[in-house]
Amino acid sequence: VIFLAEAFTRPKVMYWLAKIGFSQSYTYFAWRHTKQELIEYLTE
C-alpha cells in the first residue's frame, strides 16, 4: 500500500509525516519559480 500526504504546511511538519510512514508527499514545487529558488529547494 502507498500513502501520499497532501500537506502544504510547514517544512518540519511535512518531513515528520514522511518519517512516520507516508510513502510520498506533496511539496512547495508549485511556488518555486526562479532559478535560485529551484536550485535551493531541490538541493535541500
ModelCIF file with pLDDT and N, C-alpha, C, O atoms, coordinates in Angstrom:
data_MODEL
#
_entry.id   MODEL 
#
_entity.id                         1 
_entity.type                       polymer 
_entity.pdbx_number_of_molecules   1 
#
_entity_poly.entity_id                      1 
_entity_poly.type                           'polypeptide(L)' 
_entity_poly.nstd_linkage                   no 
_entity_poly.nstd_monomer                   no 
_entity_poly.pdbx_seq_one_letter_code       VIFLAEAFTRPKVMYWLAKIGFSQSYTYFAWRHTKQELIEYLTE 
_entity_poly.pdbx_seq_one_letter_code_can   VIFLAEAFTRPKVMYWLAKIGFSQSYTYFAWRHTKQELIEYLTE 
_entity_poly.pdbx_strand_id                 A 
#
loop_
_entity_poly_seq.entity_id 
_entity_poly_seq.num 
_entity_poly_seq.mon_id 
_entity_poly_seq.hetero 
1 1  VAL n 
1 2  ILE n 
1 3  PHE n 
1 4  LEU n 
1 5  ALA n 
1 6  GLU n 
1 7  ALA n 
1 8  PHE n 
1 9  THR n 
1 10 ARG n 
1 11 PRO n 
1 12 LYS n 
1 13 VAL n 
1 14 MET n 
1 15 TYR n 
1 16 TRP n 
1 17 LEU n 
1 18 ALA n 
1 19 LYS n 
1 20 ILE n 
1 21 GLY n 
1 22 PHE n 
1 23 SER n 
1 24 GLN n 
1 25 SER n 
1 26 TYR n 
1 27 THR n 
1 28 TYR n 
1 29 PHE n 
1 30 ALA n 
1 31 TRP n 
1 32 ARG n 
1 33 HIS n 
1 34 THR n 
1 35 LYS n 
1 36 GLN n 
1 37 GLU n 
1 38 LEU n 
1 39 ILE n 
1 40 GLU n 
1 41 TYR n 
1 42 LEU n 
1 43 THR n 
1 44 GLU n 
#
_struct_asym.id          A 
_struct_asym.entity_id   1 
#
loop_
_ma_qa_metric.id 
_ma_qa_metric.mode 
_ma_qa_metric.name 
_ma_qa_metric.software_group_id 
_ma_qa_metric.type 
1 global pLDDT . pLDDT 
2 local  pLDDT . pLDDT 
#
_ma_qa_metric_global.metric_id      1 
_ma_qa_metric_global.metric_value   97.43 
_ma_qa_metric_global.model_id       1 
_ma_qa_metric_global.ordinal_id     1 
#
loop_
_ma_qa_metric_local.label_asym_id 
_ma_qa_metric_local.label_comp_id 
_ma_qa_metric_local.label_seq_id 
_ma_qa_metric_local.metric_id 
_ma_qa_metric_local.metric_value 
_ma_qa_metric_local.model_id 
_ma_qa_metric_local.ordinal_id 
A VAL 1  2 98.00 1 1  
A ILE 2  2 98.00 1 2  
A PHE 3  2 98.00 1 3  
A LEU 4  2 98.00 1 4  
A ALA 5  2 98.00 1 5  
A GLU 6  2 97.00 1 6  
A ALA 7  2 95.00 1 7  
A PHE 8  2 93.00 1 8  
A THR 9  2 94.00 1 9  
A ARG 10 2 95.00 1 10 
A PRO 11 2 97.00 1 11 
A LYS 12 2 97.00 1 12 
A VAL 13 2 98.00 1 13 
A MET 14 2 98.00 1 14 
A TYR 15 2 98.00 1 15 
A TRP 16 2 98.00 1 16 
A LEU 17 2 98.00 1 17 
A ALA 18 2 98.00 1 18 
A LYS 19 2 98.00 1 19 
A ILE 20 2 98.00 1 20 
A GLY 21 2 97.00 1 21 
A PHE 22 2 98.00 1 22 
A SER 23 2 98.00 1 23 
A GLN 24 2 98.00 1 24 
A SER 25 2 98.00 1 25 
A TYR 26 2 98.00 1 26 
A THR 27 2 98.00 1 27 
A TYR 28 2 98.00 1 28 
A PHE 29 2 98.00 1 29 
A ALA 30 2 98.00 1 30 
A TRP 31 2 98.00 1 31 
A ARG 32 2 98.00 1 32 
A HIS 33 2 96.00 1 33 
A THR 34 2 97.00 1 34 
A LYS 35 2 97.00 1 35 
A GLN 36 2 97.00 1 36 
A GLU 37 2 98.00 1 37 
A LEU 38 2 98.00 1 38 
A ILE 39 2 98.00 1 39 
A GLU 40 2 98.00 1 40 
A TYR 41 2 98.00 1 41 
A LEU 42 2 98.00 1 42 
A THR 43 2 98.00 1 43 
A GLU 44 2 97.00 1 44 
#
loop_
_atom_site.group_PDB 
_atom_site.id 
_atom_site.type_symbol 
_atom_site.label_atom_id 
_atom_site.label_alt_id 
_atom_site.label_comp_id 
_atom_site.label_asym_id 
_atom_site.label_entity_id 
_atom_site.label_seq_id 
_atom_site.pdbx_PDB_ins_code 
_atom_site.Cartn_x 
_atom_site.Cartn_y 
_atom_site.Cartn_z 
_atom_site.occupancy 
_atom_site.B_iso_or_equiv 
_atom_site.pdbx_formal_charge 
_atom_site.auth_seq_id 
_atom_site.auth_comp_id 
_atom_site.auth_asym_id 
_atom_site.auth_atom_id 
_atom_site.pdbx_PDB_model_num 
ATOM 1   N N  . VAL A 1 1  ? 0.844  -1.191 0.000   1.00 98.00 ? 1  VAL A N  1 
ATOM 2   C CA . VAL A 1 1  ? 0.000  0.000  0.000   1.00 98.00 ? 1  VAL A CA 1 
ATOM 3   C C  . VAL A 1 1  ? 0.883  1.247  0.000   1.00 98.00 ? 1  VAL A C  1 
ATOM 4   O O  . VAL A 1 1  ? 1.924  1.283  0.656   1.00 98.00 ? 1  VAL A O  1 
ATOM 5   N N  . ILE A 1 2  ? 0.450  2.273  -0.750  1.00 98.00 ? 2  ILE A N  1 
ATOM 6   C CA . ILE A 1 2  ? 1.182  3.540  -0.867  1.00 98.00 ? 2  ILE A CA 1 
ATOM 7   C C  . ILE A 1 2  ? 0.310  4.660  -0.320  1.00 98.00 ? 2  ILE A C  1 
ATOM 8   O O  . ILE A 1 2  ? -0.878 4.743  -0.629  1.00 98.00 ? 2  ILE A O  1 
ATOM 9   N N  . PHE A 1 3  ? 0.918  5.531  0.505   1.00 98.00 ? 3  PHE A N  1 
ATOM 10  C CA . PHE A 1 3  ? 0.216  6.671  1.085   1.00 98.00 ? 3  PHE A CA 1 
ATOM 11  C C  . PHE A 1 3  ? 0.888  7.965  0.615   1.00 98.00 ? 3  PHE A C  1 
ATOM 12  O O  . PHE A 1 3  ? 2.087  8.155  0.818   1.00 98.00 ? 3  PHE A O  1 
ATOM 13  N N  . LEU A 1 4  ? 0.110  8.850  -0.013  1.00 98.00 ? 4  LEU A N  1 
ATOM 14  C CA . LEU A 1 4  ? 0.595  10.163 -0.440  1.00 98.00 ? 4  LEU A CA 1 
ATOM 15  C C  . LEU A 1 4  ? 0.029  11.220 0.495   1.00 98.00 ? 4  LEU A C  1 
ATOM 16  O O  . LEU A 1 4  ? -1.187 11.310 0.667   1.00 98.00 ? 4  LEU A O  1 
ATOM 17  N N  . ALA A 1 5  ? 0.897  12.018 1.099   1.00 98.00 ? 5  ALA A N  1 
ATOM 18  C CA . ALA A 1 5  ? 0.476  13.064 2.027   1.00 98.00 ? 5  ALA A CA 1 
ATOM 19  C C  . ALA A 1 5  ? 0.250  14.373 1.282   1.00 98.00 ? 5  ALA A C  1 
ATOM 20  O O  . ALA A 1 5  ? 1.173  14.922 0.680   1.00 98.00 ? 5  ALA A O  1 
ATOM 21  N N  . GLU A 1 6  ? -0.988 14.868 1.328   1.00 97.00 ? 6  GLU A N  1 
ATOM 22  C CA . GLU A 1 6  ? -1.294 16.199 0.799   1.00 97.00 ? 6  GLU A CA 1 
ATOM 23  C C  . GLU A 1 6  ? -1.179 17.157 1.972   1.00 97.00 ? 6  GLU A C  1 
ATOM 24  O O  . GLU A 1 6  ? -2.142 17.385 2.705   1.00 97.00 ? 6  GLU A O  1 
ATOM 25  N N  . ALA A 1 7  ? 0.012  17.712 2.137   1.00 95.00 ? 7  ALA A N  1 
ATOM 26  C CA . ALA A 1 7  ? 0.281  18.504 3.340   1.00 95.00 ? 7  ALA A CA 1 
ATOM 27  C C  . ALA A 1 7  ? 1.071  19.748 2.968   1.00 95.00 ? 7  ALA A C  1 
ATOM 28  O O  . ALA A 1 7  ? 2.294  19.774 3.100   1.00 95.00 ? 7  ALA A O  1 
ATOM 29  N N  . PHE A 1 8  ? 0.374  20.779 2.504   1.00 93.00 ? 8  PHE A N  1 
ATOM 30  C CA . PHE A 1 8  ? 1.045  22.040 2.212   1.00 93.00 ? 8  PHE A CA 1 
ATOM 31  C C  . PHE A 1 8  ? 1.147  22.821 3.521   1.00 93.00 ? 8  PHE A C  1 
ATOM 32  O O  . PHE A 1 8  ? 0.307  23.672 3.814   1.00 93.00 ? 8  PHE A O  1 
ATOM 33  N N  . THR A 1 9  ? 2.161  22.529 4.284   1.00 94.00 ? 9  THR A N  1 
ATOM 34  C CA . THR A 1 9  ? 2.290  23.101 5.619   1.00 94.00 ? 9  THR A CA 1 
ATOM 35  C C  . THR A 1 9  ? 3.761  23.374 5.887   1.00 94.00 ? 9  THR A C  1 
ATOM 36  O O  . THR A 1 9  ? 4.571  23.400 4.961   1.00 94.00 ? 9  THR A O  1 
ATOM 37  N N  . ARG A 1 10 ? 4.097  23.575 7.126   1.00 95.00 ? 10 ARG A N  1 
ATOM 38  C CA . ARG A 1 10 ? 5.468  23.909 7.485   1.00 95.00 ? 10 ARG A CA 1 
ATOM 39  C C  . ARG A 1 10 ? 6.407  22.747 7.164   1.00 95.00 ? 10 ARG A C  1 
ATOM 40  O O  . ARG A 1 10 ? 6.022  21.583 7.276   1.00 95.00 ? 10 ARG A O  1 
ATOM 41  N N  . PRO A 1 11 ? 7.644  23.069 6.762   1.00 97.00 ? 11 PRO A N  1 
ATOM 42  C CA . PRO A 1 11 ? 8.549  22.001 6.307   1.00 97.00 ? 11 PRO A CA 1 
ATOM 43  C C  . PRO A 1 11 ? 8.747  20.877 7.314   1.00 97.00 ? 11 PRO A C  1 
ATOM 44  O O  . PRO A 1 11 ? 8.700  19.704 6.944   1.00 97.00 ? 11 PRO A O  1 
ATOM 45  N N  . LYS A 1 12 ? 8.965  21.213 8.575   1.00 97.00 ? 12 LYS A N  1 
ATOM 46  C CA . LYS A 1 12 ? 9.257  20.164 9.545   1.00 97.00 ? 12 LYS A CA 1 
ATOM 47  C C  . LYS A 1 12 ? 8.052  19.269 9.784   1.00 97.00 ? 12 LYS A C  1 
ATOM 48  O O  . LYS A 1 12 ? 8.202  18.087 10.096  1.00 97.00 ? 12 LYS A O  1 
ATOM 49  N N  . VAL A 1 13 ? 6.862  19.828 9.637   1.00 98.00 ? 13 VAL A N  1 
ATOM 50  C CA . VAL A 1 13 ? 5.655  19.008 9.756   1.00 98.00 ? 13 VAL A CA 1 
ATOM 51  C C  . VAL A 1 13 ? 5.570  18.043 8.587   1.00 98.00 ? 13 VAL A C  1 
ATOM 52  O O  . VAL A 1 13 ? 5.254  16.868 8.774   1.00 98.00 ? 13 VAL A O  1 
ATOM 53  N N  . MET A 1 14 ? 5.852  18.531 7.370   1.00 98.00 ? 14 MET A N  1 
ATOM 54  C CA . MET A 1 14 ? 5.841  17.660 6.195   1.00 98.00 ? 14 MET A CA 1 
ATOM 55  C C  . MET A 1 14 ? 6.865  16.542 6.326   1.00 98.00 ? 14 MET A C  1 
ATOM 56  O O  . MET A 1 14 ? 6.594  15.393 5.975   1.00 98.00 ? 14 MET A O  1 
ATOM 57  N N  . TYR A 1 15 ? 8.033  16.886 6.830   1.00 98.00 ? 15 TYR A N  1 
ATOM 58  C CA . TYR A 1 15 ? 9.088  15.890 6.943   1.00 98.00 ? 15 TYR A CA 1 
ATOM 59  C C  . TYR A 1 15 ? 8.761  14.864 8.033   1.00 98.00 ? 15 TYR A C  1 
ATOM 60  O O  . TYR A 1 15 ? 9.103  13.688 7.907   1.00 98.00 ? 15 TYR A O  1 
ATOM 61  N N  . TRP A 1 16 ? 8.100  15.315 9.102   1.00 98.00 ? 16 TRP A N  1 
ATOM 62  C CA . TRP A 1 16 ? 7.729  14.374 10.158  1.00 98.00 ? 16 TRP A CA 1 
ATOM 63  C C  . TRP A 1 16 ? 6.708  13.366 9.643   1.00 98.00 ? 16 TRP A C  1 
ATOM 64  O O  . TRP A 1 16 ? 6.781  12.184 9.978   1.00 98.00 ? 16 TRP A O  1 
ATOM 65  N N  . LEU A 1 17 ? 5.763  13.820 8.836   1.00 98.00 ? 17 LEU A N  1 
ATOM 66  C CA . LEU A 1 17 ? 4.786  12.908 8.238   1.00 98.00 ? 17 LEU A CA 1 
ATOM 67  C C  . LEU A 1 17 ? 5.498  11.840 7.409   1.00 98.00 ? 17 LEU A C  1 
ATOM 68  O O  . LEU A 1 17 ? 5.100  10.675 7.413   1.00 98.00 ? 17 LEU A O  1 
ATOM 69  N N  . ALA A 1 18 ? 6.546  12.242 6.702   1.00 98.00 ? 18 ALA A N  1 
ATOM 70  C CA . ALA A 1 18 ? 7.312  11.265 5.924   1.00 98.00 ? 18 ALA A CA 1 
ATOM 71  C C  . ALA A 1 18 ? 8.019  10.280 6.847   1.00 98.00 ? 18 ALA A C  1 
ATOM 72  O O  . ALA A 1 18 ? 8.059  9.082  6.567   1.00 98.00 ? 18 ALA A O  1 
ATOM 73  N N  . LYS A 1 19 ? 8.569  10.777 7.930   1.00 98.00 ? 19 LYS A N  1 
ATOM 74  C CA . LYS A 1 19 ? 9.270  9.894  8.864   1.00 98.00 ? 19 LYS A CA 1 
ATOM 75  C C  . LYS A 1 19 ? 8.333  8.846  9.444   1.00 98.00 ? 19 LYS A C  1 
ATOM 76  O O  . LYS A 1 19 ? 8.716  7.685  9.589   1.00 98.00 ? 19 LYS A O  1 
ATOM 77  N N  . ILE A 1 20 ? 7.100  9.246  9.780   1.00 98.00 ? 20 ILE A N  1 
ATOM 78  C CA . ILE A 1 20 ? 6.210  8.309  10.469  1.00 98.00 ? 20 ILE A CA 1 
ATOM 79  C C  . ILE A 1 20 ? 5.530  7.342  9.514   1.00 98.00 ? 20 ILE A C  1 
ATOM 80  O O  . ILE A 1 20 ? 4.774  6.476  9.956   1.00 98.00 ? 20 ILE A O  1 
ATOM 81  N N  . GLY A 1 21 ? 5.786  7.469  8.186   1.00 97.00 ? 21 GLY A N  1 
ATOM 82  C CA . GLY A 1 21 ? 5.318  6.405  7.320   1.00 97.00 ? 21 GLY A CA 1 
ATOM 83  C C  . GLY A 1 21 ? 4.764  6.762  5.960   1.00 97.00 ? 21 GLY A C  1 
ATOM 84  O O  . GLY A 1 21 ? 4.597  5.872  5.127   1.00 97.00 ? 21 GLY A O  1 
ATOM 85  N N  . PHE A 1 22 ? 4.467  8.042  5.691   1.00 98.00 ? 22 PHE A N  1 
ATOM 86  C CA . PHE A 1 22 ? 3.903  8.365  4.383   1.00 98.00 ? 22 PHE A CA 1 
ATOM 87  C C  . PHE A 1 22 ? 4.925  8.073  3.281   1.00 98.00 ? 22 PHE A C  1 
ATOM 88  O O  . PHE A 1 22 ? 6.103  8.413  3.396   1.00 98.00 ? 22 PHE A O  1 
ATOM 89  N N  . SER A 1 23 ? 4.450  7.441  2.224   1.00 98.00 ? 23 SER A N  1 
ATOM 90  C CA . SER A 1 23 ? 5.334  6.989  1.144   1.00 98.00 ? 23 SER A CA 1 
ATOM 91  C C  . SER A 1 23 ? 5.826  8.144  0.284   1.00 98.00 ? 23 SER A C  1 
ATOM 92  O O  . SER A 1 23 ? 6.976  8.151  -0.155  1.00 98.00 ? 23 SER A O  1 
ATOM 93  N N  . GLN A 1 24 ? 4.958  9.119  0.044   1.00 98.00 ? 24 GLN A N  1 
ATOM 94  C CA . GLN A 1 24 ? 5.270  10.277 -0.786  1.00 98.00 ? 24 GLN A CA 1 
ATOM 95  C C  . GLN A 1 24 ? 4.633  11.509 -0.158  1.00 98.00 ? 24 GLN A C  1 
ATOM 96  O O  . GLN A 1 24 ? 3.809  11.405 0.751   1.00 98.00 ? 24 GLN A O  1 
ATOM 97  N N  . SER A 1 25 ? 5.029  12.678 -0.657  1.00 98.00 ? 25 SER A N  1 
ATOM 98  C CA . SER A 1 25 ? 4.454  13.905 -0.125  1.00 98.00 ? 25 SER A CA 1 
ATOM 99  C C  . SER A 1 25 ? 4.367  14.974 -1.198  1.00 98.00 ? 25 SER A C  1 
ATOM 100 O O  . SER A 1 25 ? 5.243  15.086 -2.056  1.00 98.00 ? 25 SER A O  1 
ATOM 101 N N  . TYR A 1 26 ? 3.291  15.766 -1.139  1.00 98.00 ? 26 TYR A N  1 
ATOM 102 C CA . TYR A 1 26 ? 3.239  16.997 -1.916  1.00 98.00 ? 26 TYR A CA 1 
ATOM 103 C C  . TYR A 1 26 ? 4.376  17.907 -1.438  1.00 98.00 ? 26 TYR A C  1 
ATOM 104 O O  . TYR A 1 26 ? 4.954  17.674 -0.376  1.00 98.00 ? 26 TYR A O  1 
ATOM 105 N N  . THR A 1 27 ? 4.690  18.925 -2.209  1.00 98.00 ? 27 THR A N  1 
ATOM 106 C CA . THR A 1 27 ? 5.832  19.788 -1.907  1.00 98.00 ? 27 THR A CA 1 
ATOM 107 C C  . THR A 1 27 ? 5.488  21.241 -2.228  1.00 98.00 ? 27 THR A C  1 
ATOM 108 O O  . THR A 1 27 ? 4.355  21.576 -2.572  1.00 98.00 ? 27 THR A O  1 
ATOM 109 N N  . TYR A 1 28 ? 6.506  22.087 -2.102  1.00 98.00 ? 28 TYR A N  1 
ATOM 110 C CA . TYR A 1 28 ? 6.371  23.502 -2.444  1.00 98.00 ? 28 TYR A CA 1 
ATOM 111 C C  . TYR A 1 28 ? 6.721  23.774 -3.903  1.00 98.00 ? 28 TYR A C  1 
ATOM 112 O O  . TYR A 1 28 ? 6.852  24.933 -4.296  1.00 98.00 ? 28 TYR A O  1 
ATOM 113 N N  . PHE A 1 29 ? 6.871  22.748 -4.696  1.00 98.00 ? 29 PHE A N  1 
ATOM 114 C CA . PHE A 1 29 ? 7.314  22.938 -6.079  1.00 98.00 ? 29 PHE A CA 1 
ATOM 115 C C  . PHE A 1 29 ? 6.469  23.965 -6.823  1.00 98.00 ? 29 PHE A C  1 
ATOM 116 O O  . PHE A 1 29 ? 7.008  24.774 -7.579  1.00 98.00 ? 29 PHE A O  1 
ATOM 117 N N  . ALA A 1 30 ? 5.167  23.947 -6.624  1.00 98.00 ? 30 ALA A N  1 
ATOM 118 C CA . ALA A 1 30 ? 4.283  24.853 -7.373  1.00 98.00 ? 30 ALA A CA 1 
ATOM 119 C C  . ALA A 1 30 ? 4.680  26.312 -7.189  1.00 98.00 ? 30 ALA A C  1 
ATOM 120 O O  . ALA A 1 30 ? 4.410  27.142 -8.058  1.00 98.00 ? 30 ALA A O  1 
ATOM 121 N N  . TRP A 1 31 ? 5.320  26.634 -6.061  1.00 98.00 ? 31 TRP A N  1 
ATOM 122 C CA . TRP A 1 31 ? 5.666  28.025 -5.766  1.00 98.00 ? 31 TRP A CA 1 
ATOM 123 C C  . TRP A 1 31 ? 7.158  28.303 -5.880  1.00 98.00 ? 31 TRP A C  1 
ATOM 124 O O  . TRP A 1 31 ? 7.631  29.329 -5.392  1.00 98.00 ? 31 TRP A O  1 
ATOM 125 N N  . ARG A 1 32 ? 7.888  27.427 -6.500  1.00 98.00 ? 32 ARG A N  1 
ATOM 126 C CA . ARG A 1 32 ? 9.311  27.660 -6.745  1.00 98.00 ? 32 ARG A CA 1 
ATOM 127 C C  . ARG A 1 32 ? 9.482  27.916 -8.238  1.00 98.00 ? 32 ARG A C  1 
ATOM 128 O O  . ARG A 1 32 ? 9.326  27.010 -9.058  1.00 98.00 ? 32 ARG A O  1 
ATOM 129 N N  . HIS A 1 33 ? 9.804  29.161 -8.580  1.00 96.00 ? 33 HIS A N  1 
ATOM 130 C CA . HIS A 1 33 ? 9.780  29.556 -9.991  1.00 96.00 ? 33 HIS A CA 1 
ATOM 131 C C  . HIS A 1 33 ? 11.147 29.985 -10.532 1.00 96.00 ? 33 HIS A C  1 
ATOM 132 O O  . HIS A 1 33 ? 11.518 29.608 -11.644 1.00 96.00 ? 33 HIS A O  1 
ATOM 133 N N  . THR A 1 34 ? 11.893 30.767 -9.756  1.00 97.00 ? 34 THR A N  1 
ATOM 134 C CA . THR A 1 34 ? 13.161 31.274 -10.271 1.00 97.00 ? 34 THR A CA 1 
ATOM 135 C C  . THR A 1 34 ? 14.236 30.195 -10.220 1.00 97.00 ? 34 THR A C  1 
ATOM 136 O O  . THR A 1 34 ? 14.099 29.174 -9.546  1.00 97.00 ? 34 THR A O  1 
ATOM 137 N N  . LYS A 1 35 ? 15.290 30.458 -10.945 1.00 97.00 ? 35 LYS A N  1 
ATOM 138 C CA . LYS A 1 35 ? 16.411 29.515 -10.982 1.00 97.00 ? 35 LYS A CA 1 
ATOM 139 C C  . LYS A 1 35 ? 16.973 29.282 -9.585  1.00 97.00 ? 35 LYS A C  1 
ATOM 140 O O  . LYS A 1 35 ? 17.228 28.141 -9.201  1.00 97.00 ? 35 LYS A O  1 
ATOM 141 N N  . GLN A 1 36 ? 17.167 30.357 -8.824  1.00 97.00 ? 36 GLN A N  1 
ATOM 142 C CA . GLN A 1 36 ? 17.738 30.225 -7.496  1.00 97.00 ? 36 GLN A CA 1 
ATOM 143 C C  . GLN A 1 36 ? 16.799 29.469 -6.570  1.00 97.00 ? 36 GLN A C  1 
ATOM 144 O O  . GLN A 1 36 ? 17.246 28.637 -5.781  1.00 97.00 ? 36 GLN A O  1 
ATOM 145 N N  . GLU A 1 37 ? 15.494 29.749 -6.658  1.00 98.00 ? 37 GLU A N  1 
ATOM 146 C CA . GLU A 1 37 ? 14.524 29.053 -5.817  1.00 98.00 ? 37 GLU A CA 1 
ATOM 147 C C  . GLU A 1 37 ? 14.530 27.554 -6.095  1.00 98.00 ? 37 GLU A C  1 
ATOM 148 O O  . GLU A 1 37 ? 14.515 26.743 -5.169  1.00 98.00 ? 37 GLU A O  1 
ATOM 149 N N  . LEU A 1 38 ? 14.553 27.196 -7.354  1.00 98.00 ? 38 LEU A N  1 
ATOM 150 C CA . LEU A 1 38 ? 14.538 25.784 -7.719  1.00 98.00 ? 38 LEU A CA 1 
ATOM 151 C C  . LEU A 1 38 ? 15.812 25.078 -7.268  1.00 98.00 ? 38 LEU A C  1 
ATOM 152 O O  . LEU A 1 38 ? 15.758 23.966 -6.743  1.00 98.00 ? 38 LEU A O  1 
ATOM 153 N N  . ILE A 1 39 ? 16.959 25.725 -7.474  1.00 98.00 ? 39 ILE A N  1 
ATOM 154 C CA . ILE A 1 39 ? 18.227 25.101 -7.086  1.00 98.00 ? 39 ILE A CA 1 
ATOM 155 C C  . ILE A 1 39 ? 18.282 24.908 -5.571  1.00 98.00 ? 39 ILE A C  1 
ATOM 156 O O  . ILE A 1 39 ? 18.657 23.837 -5.094  1.00 98.00 ? 39 ILE A O  1 
ATOM 157 N N  . GLU A 1 40 ? 17.912 25.935 -4.819  1.00 98.00 ? 40 GLU A N  1 
ATOM 158 C CA . GLU A 1 40 ? 17.969 25.830 -3.360  1.00 98.00 ? 40 GLU A CA 1 
ATOM 159 C C  . GLU A 1 40 ? 17.023 24.750 -2.844  1.00 98.00 ? 40 GLU A C  1 
ATOM 160 O O  . GLU A 1 40 ? 17.390 23.957 -1.977  1.00 98.00 ? 40 GLU A O  1 
ATOM 161 N N  . TYR A 1 41 ? 15.805 24.723 -3.381  1.00 98.00 ? 41 TYR A N  1 
ATOM 162 C CA . TYR A 1 41 ? 14.827 23.764 -2.870  1.00 98.00 ? 41 TYR A CA 1 
ATOM 163 C C  . TYR A 1 41 ? 15.210 22.332 -3.232  1.00 98.00 ? 41 TYR A C  1 
ATOM 164 O O  . TYR A 1 41 ? 15.162 21.441 -2.385  1.00 98.00 ? 41 TYR A O  1 
ATOM 165 N N  . LEU A 1 42 ? 15.589 22.111 -4.491  1.00 98.00 ? 42 LEU A N  1 
ATOM 166 C CA . LEU A 1 42 ? 15.939 20.748 -4.908  1.00 98.00 ? 42 LEU A CA 1 
ATOM 167 C C  . LEU A 1 42 ? 17.229 20.274 -4.250  1.00 98.00 ? 42 LEU A C  1 
ATOM 168 O O  . LEU A 1 42 ? 17.385 19.083 -3.980  1.00 98.00 ? 42 LEU A O  1 
ATOM 169 N N  . THR A 1 43 ? 18.151 21.190 -3.991  1.00 98.00 ? 43 THR A N  1 
ATOM 170 C CA . THR A 1 43 ? 19.377 20.802 -3.293  1.00 98.00 ? 43 THR A CA 1 
ATOM 171 C C  . THR A 1 43 ? 19.051 20.319 -1.889  1.00 98.00 ? 43 THR A C  1 
ATOM 172 O O  . THR A 1 43 ? 19.637 19.348 -1.410  1.00 98.00 ? 43 THR A O  1 
ATOM 173 N N  . GLU A 1 44 ? 18.112 21.000 -1.228  1.00 97.00 ? 44 GLU A N  1 
ATOM 174 C CA . GLU A 1 44 ? 17.687 20.562 0.102   1.00 97.00 ? 44 GLU A CA 1 
ATOM 175 C C  . GLU A 1 44 ? 17.075 19.167 0.050   1.00 97.00 ? 44 GLU A C  1 
ATOM 176 O O  . GLU A 1 44 ? 16.660 18.635 1.080   1.00 97.00 ? 44 GLU A O  1 
#
